[in-house]
C-alpha atoms as a PDB file:
ATOM      1  CA  UNK A   1     137.970  56.921 -71.582  1.00  0.00           C
ATOM      2  CA  UNK A   2     137.576  54.082 -73.953  1.00  0.00           C
ATOM      3  CA  UNK A   3     138.830  54.013 -77.671  1.00  0.00           C
ATOM      4  CA  UNK A   4     136.284  53.848 -80.053  1.00  0.00           C
ATOM      5  CA  UNK A   5     136.009  51.075 -82.987  1.00  0.00           C
ATOM      6  CA  UNK A   6     137.626  51.821 -86.283  1.00  0.00           C
ATOM      7  CA  UNK A   7     135.085  53.502 -88.589  1.00  0.00           C
ATOM      8  CA  UNK A   8     133.673  57.262 -89.079  1.00  0.00           C
ATOM      9  CA  UNK A   9     133.357  59.749 -86.436  1.00  0.00           C
ATOM     10  CA  UNK A  10     130.637  58.145 -83.706  1.00  0.00           C
ATOM     11  CA  UNK A  11     128.925  59.579 -81.288  1.00  0.00           C
ATOM     12  CA  UNK A  12     127.651  58.252 -77.956  1.00  0.00           C
ATOM     13  CA  UNK A  13     125.569  59.266 -74.858  1.00  0.00           C
ATOM     14  CA  UNK A  14     127.803  58.670 -71.158  1.00  0.00           C
ATOM     15  CA  UNK A  15     126.432  59.553 -68.130  1.00  0.00           C
ATOM     16  CA  UNK A  16     123.146  61.815 -69.362  1.00  0.00           C
ATOM     17  CA  UNK A  17     125.454  63.680 -71.675  1.00  0.00           C
ATOM     18  CA  UNK A  18     125.741  63.746 -75.590  1.00  0.00           C
ATOM     19  CA  UNK A  19     130.090  63.047 -76.043  1.00  0.00           C
ATOM     20  CA  UNK A  20     131.540  62.165 -79.528  1.00  0.00           C
ATOM     21  CA  UNK A  21     134.798  59.487 -80.093  1.00  0.00           C
ATOM     22  CA  UNK A  22     136.936  59.847 -82.602  1.00  0.00           C
ATOM     23  CA  UNK A  23     139.725  56.978 -81.976  1.00  0.00           C
ATOM     24  CA  UNK A  24     138.840  55.955 -84.967  1.00  0.00           C
ATOM     25  CA  UNK A  25     138.218  58.600 -86.921  1.00  0.00           C
ATOM     26  CA  UNK A  26     139.930  57.627 -90.465  1.00  0.00           C
ATOM     27  CA  UNK A  27     140.489  60.019 -93.925  1.00  0.00           C
ATOM     28  CA  UNK A  28     140.230  57.891 -96.886  1.00  0.00           C
ATOM     29  CA  UNK A  29     141.220  59.922-100.043  1.00  0.00           C
ATOM     30  CA  UNK A  30     139.082  60.251-103.596  1.00  0.00           C
ATOM     31  CA  UNK A  31     141.172  58.631-106.447  1.00  0.00           C
ATOM     32  CA  UNK A  32     143.691  60.780-108.118  1.00  0.00           C
ATOM     33  CA  UNK A  33     144.347  62.767-104.312  1.00  0.00           C
ATOM     34  CA  UNK A  34     147.622  62.368-103.049  1.00  0.00           C
ATOM     35  CA  UNK A  35     148.837  63.070 -98.800  1.00  0.00           C
ATOM     36  CA  UNK A  36     151.960  64.644 -97.791  1.00  0.00           C
ATOM     37  CA  UNK A  37     152.890  63.558 -93.985  1.00  0.00           C
ATOM     38  CA  UNK A  38     150.241  61.437 -92.653  1.00  0.00           C
ATOM     39  CA  UNK A  39     149.939  57.200 -93.240  1.00  0.00           C
ATOM     40  CA  UNK A  40     147.859  56.094 -95.696  1.00  0.00           C
ATOM     41  CA  UNK A  41     144.940  55.594 -93.274  1.00  0.00           C
ATOM     42  CA  UNK A  42     145.593  59.093 -91.962  1.00  0.00           C
ATOM     43  CA  UNK A  43     145.237  60.460 -95.108  1.00  0.00           C
ATOM     44  CA  UNK A  44     144.353  64.252 -95.533  1.00  0.00           C
ATOM     45  CA  UNK A  45     144.369  65.684 -98.933  1.00  0.00           C
ATOM     46  CA  UNK A  46     146.650  68.327-100.118  1.00  0.00           C
ATOM     47  CA  UNK A  47     143.850  71.033-101.937  1.00  0.00           C
ATOM     48  CA  UNK A  48     140.220  69.806-100.426  1.00  0.00           C
ATOM     49  CA  UNK A  49     139.039  72.019-102.177  1.00  0.00           C
ATOM     50  CA  UNK A  50     139.109  73.388-106.329  1.00  0.00           C
ATOM     51  CA  UNK A  51     139.846  76.924-107.158  1.00  0.00           C
ATOM     52  CA  UNK A  52     141.229  77.395-103.438  1.00  0.00           C
ATOM     53  CA  UNK A  53     145.323  79.353-103.795  1.00  0.00           C
ATOM     54  CA  UNK A  54     147.782  77.155-102.195  1.00  0.00           C
ATOM     55  CA  UNK A  55     150.919  79.415-100.627  1.00  0.00           C
ATOM     56  CA  UNK A  56     154.109  77.519-100.958  1.00  0.00           C
ATOM     57  CA  UNK A  57     156.296  80.430 -99.224  1.00  0.00           C
ATOM     58  CA  UNK A  58     156.933  83.753 -98.709  1.00  0.00           C
ATOM     59  CA  UNK A  59     158.432  84.552-101.720  1.00  0.00           C
ATOM     60  CA  UNK A  60     156.271  82.494-104.388  1.00  0.00           C
ATOM     61  CA  UNK A  61     153.063  81.863-104.770  1.00  0.00           C
ATOM     62  CA  UNK A  62     151.781  78.071-106.372  1.00  0.00           C
ATOM     63  CA  UNK A  63     150.178  77.554-109.263  1.00  0.00           C
ATOM     64  CA  UNK A  64     147.146  75.841-108.646  1.00  0.00           C
ATOM     65  CA  UNK A  65     144.981  73.986-111.701  1.00  0.00           C
ATOM     66  CA  UNK A  66     142.151  71.398-112.157  1.00  0.00           C
ATOM     67  CA  UNK A  67     144.160  69.568-114.206  1.00  0.00           C
ATOM     68  CA  UNK A  68     145.495  65.635-113.245  1.00  0.00           C
ATOM     69  CA  UNK A  69     144.933  62.296-112.955  1.00  0.00           C
ATOM     70  CA  UNK A  70     141.663  62.817-110.321  1.00  0.00           C
ATOM     71  CA  UNK A  71     139.382  65.525-108.887  1.00  0.00           C
ATOM     72  CA  UNK A  72     140.117  68.859-107.862  1.00  0.00           C
ATOM     73  CA  UNK A  73     143.081  71.199-107.979  1.00  0.00           C
ATOM     74  CA  UNK A  74     146.873  69.774-107.801  1.00  0.00           C
ATOM     75  CA  UNK A  75     150.000  72.150-107.150  1.00  0.00           C
ATOM     76  CA  UNK A  76     151.946  72.273-110.533  1.00  0.00           C
ATOM     77  CA  UNK A  77     154.749  75.662-109.542  1.00  0.00           C
ATOM     78  CA  UNK A  78     155.612  78.633-108.580  1.00  0.00           C
ATOM     79  CA  UNK A  79     153.046  81.461-110.636  1.00  0.00           C
ATOM     80  CA  UNK A  80     154.325  84.400-111.933  1.00  0.00           C
ATOM     81  CA  UNK A  81     154.071  88.098-110.847  1.00  0.00           C
ATOM     82  CA  UNK A  82     153.432  87.236-106.790  1.00  0.00           C
ATOM     83  CA  UNK A  83     149.932  85.951-107.397  1.00  0.00           C
ATOM     84  CA  UNK A  84     148.184  82.753-107.373  1.00  0.00           C
ATOM     85  CA  UNK A  85     146.420  80.832-110.281  1.00  0.00           C
ATOM     86  CA  UNK A  86     143.426  78.342-109.235  1.00  0.00           C
ATOM     87  CA  UNK A  87     141.896  77.096-112.244  1.00  0.00           C
ATOM     88  CA  UNK A  88     138.755  74.780-111.854  1.00  0.00           C
ATOM     89  CA  UNK A  89     136.539  74.387-114.474  1.00  0.00           C
ATOM     90  CA  UNK A  90     138.384  76.486-117.253  1.00  0.00           C
ATOM     91  CA  UNK A  91     137.706  79.530-115.153  1.00  0.00           C
ATOM     92  CA  UNK A  92     141.002  81.250-114.224  1.00  0.00           C
ATOM     93  CA  UNK A  93     140.799  83.510-110.676  1.00  0.00           C
ATOM     94  CA  UNK A  94     143.648  85.938-110.074  1.00  0.00           C
ATOM     95  CA  UNK A  95     144.500  86.575-106.036  1.00  0.00           C
ATOM     96  CA  UNK A  96     146.997  89.152-105.082  1.00  0.00           C
ATOM     97  CA  UNK A  97     149.364  88.645-102.368  1.00  0.00           C
ATOM     98  CA  UNK A  98     148.343  92.275-100.884  1.00  0.00           C
ATOM     99  CA  UNK A  99     147.104  90.782 -97.234  1.00  0.00           C
ATOM    100  CA  UNK A 100     146.072  93.879 -95.950  1.00  0.00           C
ATOM    101  CA  UNK A 101     143.567  93.755 -98.810  1.00  0.00           C
ATOM    102  CA  UNK A 102     141.782  90.656 -98.180  1.00  0.00           C
ATOM    103  CA  UNK A 103     138.683  90.749 -96.056  1.00  0.00           C
ATOM    104  CA  UNK A 104     136.211  88.200 -95.585  1.00  0.00           C
ATOM    105  CA  UNK A 105     132.198  89.237 -95.075  1.00  0.00           C
ATOM    106  CA  UNK A 106     130.878  86.915 -92.064  1.00  0.00           C
ATOM    107  CA  UNK A 107     127.115  86.138 -92.028  1.00  0.00           C
ATOM    108  CA  UNK A 108     126.341  82.789 -91.497  1.00  0.00           C
ATOM    109  CA  UNK A 109     125.471  82.307 -87.927  1.00  0.00           C
ATOM    110  CA  UNK A 110     124.528  84.157 -84.739  1.00  0.00           C
ATOM    111  CA  UNK A 111     125.391  82.762 -81.279  1.00  0.00           C
ATOM    112  CA  UNK A 112     122.621  84.616 -78.884  1.00  0.00           C
ATOM    113  CA  UNK A 113     123.031  82.820 -75.155  1.00  0.00           C
ATOM    114  CA  UNK A 114     119.074  81.873 -76.274  1.00  0.00           C
ATOM    115  CA  UNK A 115     121.114  79.849 -78.624  1.00  0.00           C
ATOM    116  CA  UNK A 116     123.606  78.285 -76.395  1.00  0.00           C
ATOM    117  CA  UNK A 117     123.030  74.801 -74.632  1.00  0.00           C
ATOM    118  CA  UNK A 118     123.021  74.334 -70.940  1.00  0.00           C
ATOM    119  CA  UNK A 119     126.578  72.655 -70.389  1.00  0.00           C
ATOM    120  CA  UNK A 120     129.663  72.921 -72.052  1.00  0.00           C
ATOM    121  CA  UNK A 121     129.371  69.125 -73.520  1.00  0.00           C
ATOM    122  CA  UNK A 122     125.984  69.731 -74.737  1.00  0.00           C
ATOM    123  CA  UNK A 123     127.302  72.871 -77.220  1.00  0.00           C
ATOM    124  CA  UNK A 124     130.093  71.518 -78.131  1.00  0.00           C
ATOM    125  CA  UNK A 125     128.939  68.223 -79.382  1.00  0.00           C
ATOM    126  CA  UNK A 126     126.355  70.193 -82.056  1.00  0.00           C
ATOM    127  CA  UNK A 127     128.980  72.460 -83.134  1.00  0.00           C
ATOM    128  CA  UNK A 128     131.120  69.070 -83.563  1.00  0.00           C
ATOM    129  CA  UNK A 129     128.107  67.846 -85.624  1.00  0.00           C
ATOM    130  CA  UNK A 130     127.653  70.826 -87.935  1.00  0.00           C
ATOM    131  CA  UNK A 131     131.674  70.397 -88.628  1.00  0.00           C
ATOM    132  CA  UNK A 132     131.510  66.746 -89.554  1.00  0.00           C
ATOM    133  CA  UNK A 133     128.345  67.339 -91.821  1.00  0.00           C
ATOM    134  CA  UNK A 134     130.629  70.613 -93.117  1.00  0.00           C
ATOM    135  CA  UNK A 135     132.925  68.285 -94.364  1.00  0.00           C
ATOM    136  CA  UNK A 136     132.619  67.691 -97.893  1.00  0.00           C
ATOM    137  CA  UNK A 137     131.897  71.328 -98.168  1.00  0.00           C
ATOM    138  CA  UNK A 138     135.457  72.409 -97.260  1.00  0.00           C
ATOM    139  CA  UNK A 139     136.476  71.425 -94.259  1.00  0.00           C
ATOM    140  CA  UNK A 140     138.668  68.973 -94.528  1.00  0.00           C
ATOM    141  CA  UNK A 141     139.780  67.894 -90.751  1.00  0.00           C
ATOM    142  CA  UNK A 142     136.664  68.310 -88.789  1.00  0.00           C
ATOM    143  CA  UNK A 143     138.591  66.793 -85.365  1.00  0.00           C
ATOM    144  CA  UNK A 144     141.865  68.722 -86.340  1.00  0.00           C
ATOM    145  CA  UNK A 145     143.309  71.666 -83.173  1.00  0.00           C
ATOM    146  CA  UNK A 146     145.464  73.728 -82.344  1.00  0.00           C
ATOM    147  CA  UNK A 147     147.114  72.422 -79.315  1.00  0.00           C
ATOM    148  CA  UNK A 148     149.436  75.427 -77.578  1.00  0.00           C
ATOM    149  CA  UNK A 149     151.331  74.577 -74.932  1.00  0.00           C
ATOM    150  CA  UNK A 150     154.302  76.366 -73.051  1.00  0.00           C
ATOM    151  CA  UNK A 151     157.395  75.242 -71.160  1.00  0.00           C
ATOM    152  CA  UNK A 152     158.691  76.045 -67.270  1.00  0.00           C
ATOM    153  CA  UNK A 153     160.136  79.194 -68.569  1.00  0.00           C
ATOM    154  CA  UNK A 154     156.815  80.546 -70.200  1.00  0.00           C
ATOM    155  CA  UNK A 155     158.084  79.958 -73.849  1.00  0.00           C
ATOM    156  CA  UNK A 156     154.982  79.094 -75.978  1.00  0.00           C
ATOM    157  CA  UNK A 157     154.740  76.419 -78.876  1.00  0.00           C
ATOM    158  CA  UNK A 158     151.276  75.251 -80.990  1.00  0.00           C
ATOM    159  CA  UNK A 159     150.794  72.018 -83.387  1.00  0.00           C
ATOM    160  CA  UNK A 160     148.100  70.817 -84.918  1.00  0.00           C
ATOM    161  CA  UNK A 161     146.702  67.634 -83.785  1.00  0.00           C
ATOM    162  CA  UNK A 162     143.520  65.455 -83.493  1.00  0.00           C
ATOM    163  CA  UNK A 163     140.956  65.510 -81.162  1.00  0.00           C
ATOM    164  CA  UNK A 164     140.527  61.798 -80.169  1.00  0.00           C
ATOM    165  CA  UNK A 165     137.489  61.864 -77.860  1.00  0.00           C
ATOM    166  CA  UNK A 166     135.812  64.384 -76.066  1.00  0.00           C
ATOM    167  CA  UNK A 167     133.084  63.028 -72.792  1.00  0.00           C
ATOM    168  CA  UNK A 168     132.077  64.742 -69.359  1.00  0.00           C
ATOM    169  CA  UNK A 169     135.722  64.434 -68.907  1.00  0.00           C
ATOM    170  CA  UNK A 170     137.271  66.977 -71.142  1.00  0.00           C
ATOM    171  CA  UNK A 171     139.275  66.326 -74.498  1.00  0.00           C
ATOM    172  CA  UNK A 172     141.338  63.690 -74.939  1.00  0.00           C
ATOM    173  CA  UNK A 173     144.350  63.385 -77.176  1.00  0.00           C
ATOM    174  CA  UNK A 174     147.763  61.109 -77.635  1.00  0.00           C
ATOM    175  CA  UNK A 175     151.576  61.714 -78.245  1.00  0.00           C
ATOM    176  CA  UNK A 176     155.133  61.156 -77.699  1.00  0.00           C
ATOM    177  CA  UNK A 177     155.855  61.964 -74.261  1.00  0.00           C
ATOM    178  CA  UNK A 178     159.177  62.723 -75.378  1.00  0.00           C
ATOM    179  CA  UNK A 179     157.779  65.499 -77.714  1.00  0.00           C
ATOM    180  CA  UNK A 180     158.137  69.101 -76.866  1.00  0.00           C
ATOM    181  CA  UNK A 181     154.523  69.256 -76.226  1.00  0.00           C
ATOM    182  CA  UNK A 182     155.544  66.227 -74.078  1.00  0.00           C
ATOM    183  CA  UNK A 183     158.111  67.905 -72.207  1.00  0.00           C
ATOM    184  CA  UNK A 184     156.084  71.559 -72.170  1.00  0.00           C
ATOM    185  CA  UNK A 185     153.545  69.544 -70.213  1.00  0.00           C
ATOM    186  CA  UNK A 186     155.497  67.745 -67.916  1.00  0.00           C
ATOM    187  CA  UNK A 187     156.765  70.955 -66.991  1.00  0.00           C
ATOM    188  CA  UNK A 188     153.833  73.581 -67.091  1.00  0.00           C
ATOM    189  CA  UNK A 189     150.282  70.909 -67.084  1.00  0.00           C
ATOM    190  CA  UNK A 190     148.465  73.550 -68.911  1.00  0.00           C
ATOM    191  CA  UNK A 191     147.042  73.618 -72.938  1.00  0.00           C
ATOM    192  CA  UNK A 192     144.683  75.633 -75.383  1.00  0.00           C
ATOM    193  CA  UNK A 193     143.216  73.805 -77.729  1.00  0.00           C
ATOM    194  CA  UNK A 194     141.753  76.071 -80.860  1.00  0.00           C
ATOM    195  CA  UNK A 195     139.285  74.507 -83.356  1.00  0.00           C
ATOM    196  CA  UNK A 196     139.036  76.612 -86.427  1.00  0.00           C
ATOM    197  CA  UNK A 197     135.746  75.838 -88.040  1.00  0.00           C
ATOM    198  CA  UNK A 198     136.200  78.298 -90.978  1.00  0.00           C
ATOM    199  CA  UNK A 199     133.415  77.178 -93.329  1.00  0.00           C
ATOM    200  CA  UNK A 200     131.339  77.788 -91.202  1.00  0.00           C
ATOM    201  CA  UNK A 201     132.748  81.017 -89.941  1.00  0.00           C
ATOM    202  CA  UNK A 202     133.229  79.196 -86.064  1.00  0.00           C
ATOM    203  CA  UNK A 203     135.309  78.532 -83.610  1.00  0.00           C
ATOM    204  CA  UNK A 204     136.354  76.598 -80.470  1.00  0.00           C
ATOM    205  CA  UNK A 205     138.836  78.150 -78.152  1.00  0.00           C
ATOM    206  CA  UNK A 206     139.495  75.493 -74.830  1.00  0.00           C
ATOM    207  CA  UNK A 207     141.504  76.803 -71.794  1.00  0.00           C
ATOM    208  CA  UNK A 208     142.461  74.169 -69.159  1.00  0.00           C
ATOM    209  CA  UNK A 209     144.597  71.923 -66.623  1.00  0.00           C
ATOM    210  CA  UNK A 210     146.032  68.624 -68.377  1.00  0.00           C
ATOM    211  CA  UNK A 211     146.058  65.112 -66.781  1.00  0.00           C
ATOM    212  CA  UNK A 212     147.719  62.067 -68.359  1.00  0.00           C
ATOM    213  CA  UNK A 213     145.096  59.316 -68.828  1.00  0.00           C
ATOM    214  CA  UNK A 214     144.869  56.144 -67.464  1.00  0.00           C
ATOM    215  CA  UNK A 215     147.944  53.902 -69.151  1.00  0.00           C
ATOM    216  CA  UNK A 216     145.186  51.113 -70.168  1.00  0.00           C
ATOM    217  CA  UNK A 217     143.319  53.524 -72.325  1.00  0.00           C
ATOM    218  CA  UNK A 218     146.607  54.893 -74.439  1.00  0.00           C
ATOM    219  CA  UNK A 219     147.185  51.248 -74.894  1.00  0.00           C
ATOM    220  CA  UNK A 220     143.440  50.980 -75.992  1.00  0.00           C
ATOM    221  CA  UNK A 221     143.688  53.236 -78.277  1.00  0.00           C
ATOM    222  CA  UNK A 222     147.466  52.644 -79.691  1.00  0.00           C
ATOM    223  CA  UNK A 223     146.167  49.371 -80.218  1.00  0.00           C
ATOM    224  CA  UNK A 224     143.220  50.816 -82.344  1.00  0.00           C
ATOM    225  CA  UNK A 225     145.832  52.672 -84.382  1.00  0.00           C
ATOM    226  CA  UNK A 226     146.849  51.367 -88.457  1.00  0.00           C
ATOM    227  CA  UNK A 227     150.170  49.527 -88.436  1.00  0.00           C
ATOM    228  CA  UNK A 228     152.289  52.123 -90.122  1.00  0.00           C
ATOM    229  CA  UNK A 229     150.738  54.618 -87.299  1.00  0.00           C
ATOM    230  CA  UNK A 230     152.145  51.890 -84.412  1.00  0.00           C
ATOM    231  CA  UNK A 231     155.194  51.442 -86.003  1.00  0.00           C
ATOM    232  CA  UNK A 232     155.865  55.076 -86.915  1.00  0.00           C
ATOM    233  CA  UNK A 233     155.097  56.003 -83.045  1.00  0.00           C
ATOM    234  CA  UNK A 234     158.908  53.629 -82.608  1.00  0.00           C
ATOM    235  CA  UNK A 235     160.122  55.103 -85.662  1.00  0.00           C
ATOM    236  CA  UNK A 236     160.207  58.525 -84.319  1.00  0.00           C
ATOM    237  CA  UNK A 237     161.643  60.323 -82.018  1.00  0.00           C
ATOM    238  CA  UNK A 238     159.565  62.908 -81.843  1.00  0.00           C
ATOM    239  CA  UNK A 239     160.614  66.490 -81.847  1.00  0.00           C
ATOM    240  CA  UNK A 240     164.477  65.772 -81.757  1.00  0.00           C
ATOM    241  CA  UNK A 241     166.659  66.548 -84.378  1.00  0.00           C
ATOM    242  CA  UNK A 242     167.775  64.189 -87.319  1.00  0.00           C
ATOM    243  CA  UNK A 243     170.401  64.170 -90.080  1.00  0.00           C
ATOM    244  CA  UNK A 244     168.149  63.473 -93.215  1.00  0.00           C
ATOM    245  CA  UNK A 245     164.416  61.564 -94.092  1.00  0.00           C
ATOM    246  CA  UNK A 246     166.952  58.478 -94.976  1.00  0.00           C
ATOM    247  CA  UNK A 247     167.711  57.899 -90.940  1.00  0.00           C
ATOM    248  CA  UNK A 248     164.112  58.060 -90.508  1.00  0.00           C
ATOM    249  CA  UNK A 249     162.889  55.634 -93.023  1.00  0.00           C
ATOM    250  CA  UNK A 250     165.793  52.863 -92.086  1.00  0.00           C
ATOM    251  CA  UNK A 251     164.129  53.010 -88.982  1.00  0.00           C
ATOM    252  CA  UNK A 252     161.060  52.652 -89.678  1.00  0.00           C
ATOM    253  CA  UNK A 253     162.448  49.488 -92.044  1.00  0.00           C
ATOM    254  CA  UNK A 254     164.419  48.186 -88.763  1.00  0.00           C
ATOM    255  CA  UNK A 255     161.306  48.525 -86.767  1.00  0.00           C
ATOM    256  CA  UNK A 256     158.955  46.962 -90.110  1.00  0.00           C
ATOM    257  CA  UNK A 257     161.325  43.597 -89.524  1.00  0.00           C
ATOM    258  CA  UNK A 258     161.163  43.117 -85.936  1.00  0.00           C
ATOM    259  CA  UNK A 259     157.345  43.745 -85.830  1.00  0.00           C
ATOM    260  CA  UNK A 260     156.303  42.465 -89.000  1.00  0.00           C
ATOM    261  CA  UNK A 261     152.650  43.040 -89.645  1.00  0.00           C
ATOM    262  CA  UNK A 262     150.417  40.001 -88.515  1.00  0.00           C
ATOM    263  CA  UNK A 263     147.210  41.844 -89.026  1.00  0.00           C
ATOM    264  CA  UNK A 264     147.420  41.385 -84.770  1.00  0.00           C
ATOM    265  CA  UNK A 265     146.087  44.876 -83.217  1.00  0.00           C
ATOM    266  CA  UNK A 266     149.598  43.454 -81.197  1.00  0.00           C
ATOM    267  CA  UNK A 267     151.874  42.784 -83.073  1.00  0.00           C
ATOM    268  CA  UNK A 268     153.437  46.247 -82.005  1.00  0.00           C
ATOM    269  CA  UNK A 269     154.217  46.509 -78.334  1.00  0.00           C
ATOM    270  CA  UNK A 270     152.822  50.155 -76.999  1.00  0.00           C
ATOM    271  CA  UNK A 271     156.014  52.152 -76.089  1.00  0.00           C
ATOM    272  CA  UNK A 272     156.800  53.449 -72.719  1.00  0.00           C
ATOM    273  CA  UNK A 273     156.480  56.973 -74.533  1.00  0.00           C
ATOM    274  CA  UNK A 274     153.197  56.555 -75.563  1.00  0.00           C
ATOM    275  CA  UNK A 275     150.548  58.146 -73.833  1.00  0.00           C
ATOM    276  CA  UNK A 276     146.987  60.356 -73.620  1.00  0.00           C
ATOM    277  CA  UNK A 277     146.297  63.490 -72.204  1.00  0.00           C
ATOM    278  CA  UNK A 278     143.390  64.750 -71.478  1.00  0.00           C
ATOM    279  CA  UNK A 279     142.541  68.672 -70.923  1.00  0.00           C
ATOM    280  CA  UNK A 280     139.781  69.045 -68.392  1.00  0.00           C
ATOM    281  CA  UNK A 281     138.733  73.009 -69.089  1.00  0.00           C
ATOM    282  CA  UNK A 282     138.574  75.858 -66.911  1.00  0.00           C
ATOM    283  CA  UNK A 283     136.923  78.195 -69.727  1.00  0.00           C
ATOM    284  CA  UNK A 284     135.049  77.187 -73.267  1.00  0.00           C
ATOM    285  CA  UNK A 285     134.488  79.209 -75.471  1.00  0.00           C
ATOM    286  CA  UNK A 286     132.030  79.599 -78.919  1.00  0.00           C
ATOM    287  CA  UNK A 287     133.104  82.014 -81.569  1.00  0.00           C
ATOM    288  CA  UNK A 288     130.552  82.804 -84.132  1.00  0.00           C
ATOM    289  CA  UNK A 289     131.734  85.569 -87.538  1.00  0.00           C
ATOM    290  CA  UNK A 290     129.521  88.102 -87.964  1.00  0.00           C
ATOM    291  CA  UNK A 291     128.629  90.898 -89.812  1.00  0.00           C
ATOM    292  CA  UNK A 292     131.070  94.183 -89.018  1.00  0.00           C
ATOM    293  CA  UNK A 293     133.445  92.520 -87.005  1.00  0.00           C
ATOM    294  CA  UNK A 294     130.746  92.149 -84.181  1.00  0.00           C
ATOM    295  CA  UNK A 295     131.364  88.654 -83.492  1.00  0.00           C
ATOM    296  CA  UNK A 296     129.526  86.905 -81.056  1.00  0.00           C
ATOM    297  CA  UNK A 297     131.706  85.061 -78.125  1.00  0.00           C
ATOM    298  CA  UNK A 298     130.280  83.518 -75.244  1.00  0.00           C
ATOM    299  CA  UNK A 299     132.057  81.606 -72.741  1.00  0.00           C
ATOM    300  CA  UNK A 300     130.893  78.951 -70.284  1.00  0.00           C
ATOM    301  CA  UNK A 301     133.295  79.469 -67.220  1.00  0.00           C
ATOM    302  CA  UNK A 302     133.858  77.190 -64.324  1.00  0.00           C
ATOM    303  CA  UNK A 303     132.428  77.877 -61.108  1.00  0.00           C
ATOM    304  CA  UNK A 304     134.959  77.397 -57.829  1.00  0.00           C
ATOM    305  CA  UNK A 305     138.990  76.100 -58.558  1.00  0.00           C
ATOM    306  CA  UNK A 306     138.009  71.734 -58.786  1.00  0.00           C
ATOM    307  CA  UNK A 307     137.301  69.997 -62.111  1.00  0.00           C
ATOM    308  CA  UNK A 308     133.975  70.328 -63.396  1.00  0.00           C
ATOM    309  CA  UNK A 309     132.220  67.749 -65.656  1.00  0.00           C
ATOM    310  CA  UNK A 310     131.334  69.184 -68.888  1.00  0.00           C
ATOM    311  CA  UNK A 311     127.480  68.263 -69.144  1.00  0.00           C
ATOM    312  CA  UNK A 312     126.574  69.651 -65.670  1.00  0.00           C
ATOM    313  CA  UNK A 313     124.778  72.826 -66.605  1.00  0.00           C
ATOM    314  CA  UNK A 314     125.340  74.180 -62.722  1.00  0.00           C
ATOM    315  CA  UNK A 315     129.261  73.767 -62.693  1.00  0.00           C
ATOM    316  CA  UNK A 316     129.098  76.261 -65.366  1.00  0.00           C
ATOM    317  CA  UNK A 317     128.319  79.878 -65.559  1.00  0.00           C
ATOM    318  CA  UNK A 318     127.984  81.945 -68.894  1.00  0.00           C
ATOM    319  CA  UNK A 319     129.997  85.785 -70.400  1.00  0.00           C
ATOM    320  CA  UNK A 320     129.454  87.053 -73.210  1.00  0.00           C
ATOM    321  CA  UNK A 321     133.456  88.834 -74.429  1.00  0.00           C
ATOM    322  CA  UNK A 322     133.227  91.714 -76.401  1.00  0.00           C
ATOM    323  CA  UNK A 323     134.867  90.868 -80.325  1.00  0.00           C
END
């Protein structure tokens, strides 16, 4: 699975079927926006859209206003009375924390058997293209997914990650072998991937077996990453307890001195703990919200016990699930 060239999300057509390469996806922040927890070229906005409330914790809400150095709202602090205040264009909206009363009408589409592509890859590619098109309507990171794993004792864990490639073999992402997910997958090589495309009222759920990506492919993707991200992979003993953020920053500084930025993709060596993971699906479910909670759920199920190509319609059957 070749790493994509740097740039926007790109599509290609390998082995006679559509696929999407995401390794080169870079989010660029508009002026005035800030990012948290990401390298400067991997950054995503803290606030993607004006007029949206941001919950800062169970005891308080965050006031979000439209003022500030750039477009869009910004967080300014706790709001009184257990409510959030969203202000954009001079309009202030009060929203309650009464979760039982939160309601959404699902009426943005349908998914009938006649609408479905003949194989999972074509259907995923079509919906992913829709998600990319919806990016500037509120879907800030189309390739983000919830990756869920479980350890040998069945203890589950989940985290948000970025999909880096999908082709007839499956869905690929990269991580640290020593992280919790890396340890989980070593003991229990199964995972689920959930793509929550809320603005389109869609989600895709992939469940399957996990295998390691060839090391040369993992290395090729590593060298395509921005310098700071490559250095960060060395600095972070992922999922391990550390004394403070200063420890992490000091380690990063040491590594920056050891591996200075020369502009070469090889100025930071590939860590031994770096790896790619390929999810080979057993099921791929496509969910479309519908009115009265009568949602459409169509699931591709692998025929047989062996791995199946995602572009081979004969290797999959389709079933409808009750919502």
